[in-house]
Amino acid sequence: YTPRTLFPYTTLFRSLEWYVKRKMNEFPVQEIKGVKLGVQPSGIVMRQQMGVQEGVGTVAWKDIYEWYNTPEFLLVNFKVKGQQGAYILPKRMDSKNFPFETLRKHLKEVVGEPKTL
């Protein structure tokens, strides 16, 4: 390639880089702290502290379309309002406040048996 043939690509890259930086400056970065997950009869609930605001989101059991049970973690794939997402839940998170046994029970009832990787 010569510098002349690369010109359109470098211009495109610089334009894209400029656009991304501009968009990032529009939304100031907030420190995220206090992410909490919970198992509820309605689904998996996540609470997240961002600055002075708290965000709460629920993934209903019916929105989960597959899950994987590995020795190290649970992988839960879901689709909410047309957008796909996933939770990767390390086994060390298994506790009284976030019981994996209850999570597995709901997943088996609603989604079925776990898939294998």
N, C-alpha and C. Protein backbone atom coordinates (compact mmCIF):
# COMPACT_ATOMS: atom_id res chain seq x y z
N TYR A 1 0.83 -1.20 0.00
CA TYR A 1 0.00 0.00 0.00
C TYR A 1 0.87 1.25 0.00
N THR A 2 0.40 2.24 -0.66
CA THR A 2 1.10 3.52 -0.64
C THR A 2 0.32 4.46 0.25
N PRO A 3 0.94 5.51 0.72
CA PRO A 3 0.21 6.47 1.55
C PRO A 3 -1.05 6.99 0.85
N ARG A 4 -1.01 7.09 -0.45
CA ARG A 4 -2.16 7.60 -1.18
C ARG A 4 -3.36 6.64 -1.09
N THR A 5 -3.12 5.30 -1.16
CA THR A 5 -4.22 4.34 -1.08
C THR A 5 -4.73 4.17 0.34
N LEU A 6 -3.90 4.46 1.32
CA LEU A 6 -4.34 4.36 2.72
C LEU A 6 -5.10 5.59 3.18
N PHE A 7 -5.04 6.67 2.43
CA PHE A 7 -5.66 7.93 2.86
C PHE A 7 -7.12 7.79 3.25
N PRO A 8 -7.98 7.13 2.47
CA PRO A 8 -9.39 7.03 2.87
C PRO A 8 -9.58 6.31 4.21
N TYR A 9 -8.74 5.28 4.46
CA TYR A 9 -8.88 4.53 5.69
C TYR A 9 -8.41 5.32 6.91
N THR A 10 -7.31 6.04 6.77
CA THR A 10 -6.83 6.84 7.90
C THR A 10 -7.78 7.98 8.18
N THR A 11 -8.37 8.55 7.16
CA THR A 11 -9.36 9.62 7.36
C THR A 11 -10.59 9.07 8.07
N LEU A 12 -11.03 7.89 7.65
CA LEU A 12 -12.19 7.27 8.29
C LEU A 12 -11.90 6.98 9.75
N PHE A 13 -10.71 6.43 10.03
CA PHE A 13 -10.34 6.12 11.40
C PHE A 13 -10.29 7.37 12.27
N ARG A 14 -9.70 8.43 11.75
CA ARG A 14 -9.61 9.67 12.52
C ARG A 14 -11.00 10.24 12.78
N SER A 15 -11.88 10.15 11.80
CA SER A 15 -13.25 10.65 11.98
C SER A 15 -13.97 9.85 13.04
N LEU A 16 -13.82 8.54 12.99
CA LEU A 16 -14.46 7.67 13.97
C LEU A 16 -13.90 7.93 15.36
N GLU A 17 -12.59 8.08 15.45
CA GLU A 17 -11.94 8.36 16.73
C GLU A 17 -12.45 9.70 17.30
N TRP A 18 -12.57 10.70 16.47
CA TRP A 18 -13.07 12.01 16.90
C TRP A 18 -14.50 11.88 17.42
N TYR A 19 -15.34 11.13 16.69
CA TYR A 19 -16.74 10.97 17.08
C TYR A 19 -16.87 10.27 18.43
N VAL A 20 -16.09 9.19 18.61
CA VAL A 20 -16.14 8.45 19.88
C VAL A 20 -15.70 9.33 21.04
N LYS A 21 -14.61 10.07 20.86
CA LYS A 21 -14.14 10.96 21.93
C LYS A 21 -15.17 12.03 22.25
N ARG A 22 -15.81 12.59 21.22
CA ARG A 22 -16.84 13.60 21.44
C ARG A 22 -18.01 13.02 22.25
N LYS A 23 -18.46 11.83 21.87
CA LYS A 23 -19.57 11.19 22.58
C LYS A 23 -19.19 10.86 24.02
N MET A 24 -17.96 10.41 24.24
CA MET A 24 -17.52 10.08 25.60
C MET A 24 -17.49 11.32 26.47
N ASN A 25 -17.14 12.46 25.91
CA ASN A 25 -17.10 13.71 26.67
C ASN A 25 -18.51 14.21 27.00
N GLU A 26 -19.51 13.82 26.22
CA GLU A 26 -20.89 14.23 26.50
C GLU A 26 -21.42 13.57 27.77
N PHE A 27 -20.94 12.37 28.05
CA PHE A 27 -21.42 11.63 29.20
C PHE A 27 -20.27 11.42 30.16
N PRO A 28 -20.19 12.24 31.21
CA PRO A 28 -19.06 12.11 32.13
C PRO A 28 -19.06 10.74 32.81
N VAL A 29 -17.88 10.23 33.02
CA VAL A 29 -17.72 8.92 33.66
C VAL A 29 -18.04 9.06 35.14
N GLN A 30 -18.89 8.15 35.62
CA GLN A 30 -19.22 8.12 37.04
C GLN A 30 -18.64 6.86 37.64
N GLU A 31 -18.21 6.97 38.86
CA GLU A 31 -17.69 5.80 39.55
C GLU A 31 -18.85 4.86 39.86
N ILE A 32 -18.67 3.61 39.50
CA ILE A 32 -19.70 2.61 39.77
C ILE A 32 -19.28 1.84 41.01
N LYS A 33 -20.16 1.81 41.99
CA LYS A 33 -19.87 1.05 43.20
C LYS A 33 -21.13 0.38 43.69
N GLY A 34 -20.97 -0.59 44.50
CA GLY A 34 -22.10 -1.25 45.11
C GLY A 34 -22.99 -2.02 44.16
N VAL A 35 -22.41 -2.81 43.26
CA VAL A 35 -23.23 -3.66 42.39
C VAL A 35 -23.69 -4.85 43.23
N LYS A 36 -24.99 -5.04 43.29
CA LYS A 36 -25.56 -6.14 44.08
C LYS A 36 -26.51 -6.93 43.20
N LEU A 37 -26.42 -8.26 43.29
CA LEU A 37 -27.32 -9.14 42.58
C LEU A 37 -28.18 -9.88 43.57
N GLY A 38 -29.42 -10.17 43.17
CA GLY A 38 -30.32 -10.91 44.03
C GLY A 38 -31.20 -11.83 43.23
N VAL A 39 -31.65 -12.92 43.87
CA VAL A 39 -32.56 -13.87 43.25
C VAL A 39 -33.95 -13.60 43.83
N GLN A 40 -34.88 -13.29 42.95
CA GLN A 40 -36.27 -13.00 43.36
C GLN A 40 -37.22 -13.92 42.59
N PRO A 41 -38.45 -14.09 43.07
CA PRO A 41 -39.42 -14.90 42.32
C PRO A 41 -39.64 -14.36 40.89
N SER A 42 -39.43 -13.07 40.70
CA SER A 42 -39.64 -12.47 39.37
C SER A 42 -38.45 -12.65 38.45
N GLY A 43 -37.24 -12.84 38.99
CA GLY A 43 -36.05 -12.99 38.17
C GLY A 43 -34.80 -12.60 38.92
N ILE A 44 -33.74 -12.29 38.17
CA ILE A 44 -32.47 -11.85 38.76
C ILE A 44 -32.49 -10.32 38.81
N VAL A 45 -32.25 -9.77 39.98
CA VAL A 45 -32.31 -8.32 40.18
C VAL A 45 -30.90 -7.80 40.41
N MET A 46 -30.57 -6.69 39.73
CA MET A 46 -29.26 -6.06 39.91
C MET A 46 -29.47 -4.63 40.37
N ARG A 47 -28.81 -4.25 41.45
CA ARG A 47 -28.80 -2.87 41.94
C ARG A 47 -27.40 -2.32 41.76
N GLN A 48 -27.32 -1.08 41.29
CA GLN A 48 -26.02 -0.50 40.99
C GLN A 48 -26.02 0.96 41.41
N GLN A 49 -25.03 1.32 42.21
CA GLN A 49 -24.86 2.69 42.66
C GLN A 49 -23.96 3.44 41.69
N MET A 50 -24.48 4.56 41.12
CA MET A 50 -23.69 5.39 40.20
C MET A 50 -23.79 6.83 40.69
N GLY A 51 -22.71 7.30 41.29
CA GLY A 51 -22.76 8.64 41.86
C GLY A 51 -23.77 8.67 42.99
N VAL A 52 -24.74 9.60 42.90
CA VAL A 52 -25.77 9.69 43.93
C VAL A 52 -27.03 8.92 43.54
N GLN A 53 -27.07 8.39 42.33
CA GLN A 53 -28.25 7.67 41.86
C GLN A 53 -28.05 6.16 41.98
N GLU A 54 -29.18 5.46 42.12
CA GLU A 54 -29.14 4.01 42.16
C GLU A 54 -30.00 3.48 41.02
N GLY A 55 -29.44 2.57 40.26
CA GLY A 55 -30.18 1.94 39.16
C GLY A 55 -30.57 0.54 39.55
N VAL A 56 -31.78 0.14 39.18
CA VAL A 56 -32.27 -1.20 39.46
C VAL A 56 -32.77 -1.82 38.16
N GLY A 57 -32.32 -3.02 37.89
CA GLY A 57 -32.76 -3.73 36.69
C GLY A 57 -33.10 -5.16 37.01
N THR A 58 -34.14 -5.67 36.38
CA THR A 58 -34.56 -7.05 36.61
C THR A 58 -34.56 -7.80 35.29
N VAL A 59 -33.96 -8.97 35.28
CA VAL A 59 -34.05 -9.87 34.15
C VAL A 59 -35.03 -10.96 34.57
N ALA A 60 -36.22 -10.95 33.96
CA ALA A 60 -37.25 -11.92 34.31
C ALA A 60 -36.81 -13.32 33.87
N TRP A 61 -37.29 -14.32 34.58
CA TRP A 61 -36.93 -15.70 34.25
C TRP A 61 -37.31 -16.02 32.81
N LYS A 62 -38.42 -15.49 32.34
CA LYS A 62 -38.88 -15.77 30.97
C LYS A 62 -37.97 -15.14 29.91
N ASP A 63 -37.18 -14.13 30.29
CA ASP A 63 -36.26 -13.48 29.35
C ASP A 63 -34.95 -14.25 29.16
N ILE A 64 -34.70 -15.23 30.02
CA ILE A 64 -33.47 -16.03 29.93
C ILE A 64 -33.74 -17.17 28.95
N TYR A 65 -32.86 -17.29 27.94
CA TYR A 65 -33.10 -18.32 26.93
C TYR A 65 -32.11 -19.48 26.98
N GLU A 66 -31.00 -19.33 27.69
CA GLU A 66 -30.07 -20.45 27.87
C GLU A 66 -29.14 -20.16 29.04
N TRP A 67 -28.59 -21.23 29.60
CA TRP A 67 -27.63 -21.07 30.67
C TRP A 67 -26.66 -22.24 30.67
N TYR A 68 -25.47 -21.99 31.23
CA TYR A 68 -24.40 -22.97 31.28
C TYR A 68 -23.93 -23.08 32.72
N ASN A 69 -23.70 -24.31 33.16
CA ASN A 69 -23.23 -24.58 34.51
C ASN A 69 -21.85 -25.22 34.41
N THR A 70 -20.79 -24.45 34.69
CA THR A 70 -19.43 -24.97 34.64
C THR A 70 -18.89 -25.08 36.06
N PRO A 71 -17.77 -25.74 36.25
CA PRO A 71 -17.20 -25.84 37.60
C PRO A 71 -16.79 -24.48 38.20
N GLU A 72 -16.48 -23.49 37.34
CA GLU A 72 -16.01 -22.20 37.84
C GLU A 72 -17.09 -21.13 37.89
N PHE A 73 -18.10 -21.22 37.04
CA PHE A 73 -19.09 -20.14 36.96
C PHE A 73 -20.39 -20.61 36.32
N LEU A 74 -21.42 -19.76 36.47
CA LEU A 74 -22.68 -19.91 35.73
C LEU A 74 -22.71 -18.82 34.68
N LEU A 75 -23.12 -19.17 33.47
CA LEU A 75 -23.29 -18.20 32.40
C LEU A 75 -24.77 -18.19 32.04
N VAL A 76 -25.38 -17.01 32.13
CA VAL A 76 -26.81 -16.86 31.87
C VAL A 76 -26.98 -15.88 30.72
N ASN A 77 -27.58 -16.33 29.61
CA ASN A 77 -27.84 -15.46 28.47
C ASN A 77 -29.31 -15.06 28.45
N PHE A 78 -29.56 -13.79 28.19
CA PHE A 78 -30.94 -13.29 28.20
C PHE A 78 -31.14 -12.26 27.10
N LYS A 79 -32.41 -11.98 26.85
CA LYS A 79 -32.78 -10.96 25.87
C LYS A 79 -33.90 -10.12 26.48
N VAL A 80 -33.63 -8.82 26.65
CA VAL A 80 -34.60 -7.91 27.25
C VAL A 80 -34.82 -6.74 26.29
N LYS A 81 -36.05 -6.49 25.94
CA LYS A 81 -36.42 -5.39 25.04
C LYS A 81 -35.59 -5.41 23.76
N GLY A 82 -35.40 -6.60 23.20
CA GLY A 82 -34.68 -6.74 21.94
C GLY A 82 -33.16 -6.71 22.05
N GLN A 83 -32.63 -6.50 23.25
CA GLN A 83 -31.17 -6.46 23.41
C GLN A 83 -30.70 -7.69 24.17
N GLN A 84 -29.62 -8.30 23.65
CA GLN A 84 -29.07 -9.48 24.30
C GLN A 84 -28.08 -9.07 25.38
N GLY A 85 -28.02 -9.89 26.40
CA GLY A 85 -27.09 -9.65 27.48
C GLY A 85 -26.70 -10.97 28.12
N ALA A 86 -25.76 -10.91 29.04
CA ALA A 86 -25.31 -12.11 29.74
C ALA A 86 -24.80 -11.75 31.12
N TYR A 87 -24.98 -12.68 32.03
CA TYR A 87 -24.37 -12.59 33.34
C TYR A 87 -23.37 -13.73 33.44
N ILE A 88 -22.16 -13.41 33.83
CA ILE A 88 -21.17 -14.44 34.15
C ILE A 88 -21.03 -14.39 35.66
N LEU A 89 -21.49 -15.43 36.31
CA LEU A 89 -21.55 -15.46 37.77
C LEU A 89 -20.53 -16.45 38.32
N PRO A 90 -19.41 -15.94 38.86
CA PRO A 90 -18.40 -16.84 39.42
C PRO A 90 -18.98 -17.61 40.62
N LYS A 91 -18.55 -18.84 40.78
CA LYS A 91 -19.07 -19.69 41.86
C LYS A 91 -18.78 -19.09 43.24
N ARG A 92 -17.78 -18.23 43.35
CA ARG A 92 -17.47 -17.62 44.65
C ARG A 92 -18.58 -16.68 45.12
N MET A 93 -19.49 -16.31 44.20
CA MET A 93 -20.61 -15.45 44.58
C MET A 93 -21.71 -16.21 45.31
N ASP A 94 -21.66 -17.54 45.27
CA ASP A 94 -22.67 -18.37 45.92
C ASP A 94 -22.65 -18.09 47.43
N SER A 95 -23.76 -17.55 47.94
CA SER A 95 -23.81 -17.20 49.35
C SER A 95 -25.26 -17.25 49.83
N LYS A 96 -25.45 -16.96 51.10
CA LYS A 96 -26.79 -16.93 51.68
C LYS A 96 -27.65 -15.87 50.98
N ASN A 97 -27.04 -14.74 50.63
CA ASN A 97 -27.79 -13.65 50.00
C ASN A 97 -27.96 -13.84 48.49
N PHE A 98 -27.18 -14.73 47.88
CA PHE A 98 -27.29 -15.00 46.45
C PHE A 98 -27.10 -16.50 46.23
N PRO A 99 -28.12 -17.30 46.62
CA PRO A 99 -27.97 -18.76 46.59
C PRO A 99 -28.03 -19.34 45.17
N PHE A 100 -26.95 -19.98 44.77
CA PHE A 100 -26.91 -20.60 43.44
C PHE A 100 -27.90 -21.75 43.32
N GLU A 101 -28.19 -22.42 44.43
CA GLU A 101 -29.14 -23.53 44.39
C GLU A 101 -30.53 -23.04 43.98
N THR A 102 -30.96 -21.92 44.53
CA THR A 102 -32.24 -21.31 44.16
C THR A 102 -32.19 -20.84 42.71
N LEU A 103 -31.08 -20.25 42.31
CA LEU A 103 -30.91 -19.79 40.93
C LEU A 103 -31.02 -20.96 39.96
N ARG A 104 -30.33 -22.06 40.25
CA ARG A 104 -30.41 -23.26 39.40
C ARG A 104 -31.83 -23.82 39.34
N LYS A 105 -32.51 -23.80 40.48
CA LYS A 105 -33.89 -24.32 40.54
C LYS A 105 -34.79 -23.54 39.59
N HIS A 106 -34.75 -22.21 39.65
CA HIS A 106 -35.57 -21.37 38.77
C HIS A 106 -35.18 -21.58 37.31
N LEU A 107 -33.88 -21.62 37.04
CA LEU A 107 -33.42 -21.79 35.66
C LEU A 107 -33.89 -23.13 35.08
N LYS A 108 -33.80 -24.19 35.88
CA LYS A 108 -34.25 -25.51 35.40
C LYS A 108 -35.75 -25.51 35.14
N GLU A 109 -36.53 -24.87 36.02
CA GLU A 109 -37.99 -24.83 35.85
C GLU A 109 -38.42 -24.06 34.61
N VAL A 110 -37.78 -22.92 34.38
CA VAL A 110 -38.22 -22.02 33.32
C VAL A 110 -37.50 -22.26 31.99
N VAL A 111 -36.18 -22.42 32.05
CA VAL A 111 -35.37 -22.53 30.83
C VAL A 111 -35.11 -23.98 30.44
N GLY A 112 -34.93 -24.84 31.43
CA GLY A 112 -34.59 -26.23 31.18
C GLY A 112 -33.20 -26.53 31.70
N GLU A 113 -32.68 -27.66 31.30
CA GLU A 113 -31.36 -28.10 31.76
C GLU A 113 -30.27 -27.19 31.17
N PRO A 114 -29.15 -27.07 31.89
CA PRO A 114 -28.06 -26.22 31.37
C PRO A 114 -27.42 -26.84 30.14
N LYS A 115 -26.90 -25.97 29.28
CA LYS A 115 -26.15 -26.42 28.10
C LYS A 115 -24.70 -26.60 28.51
N THR A 116 -23.97 -27.32 27.68
CA THR A 116 -22.55 -27.54 27.96
C THR A 116 -21.71 -26.69 27.03
N LEU A 117 -20.57 -26.25 27.53
CA LEU A 117 -19.65 -25.44 26.72
C LEU A 117 -18.77 -26.33 25.88
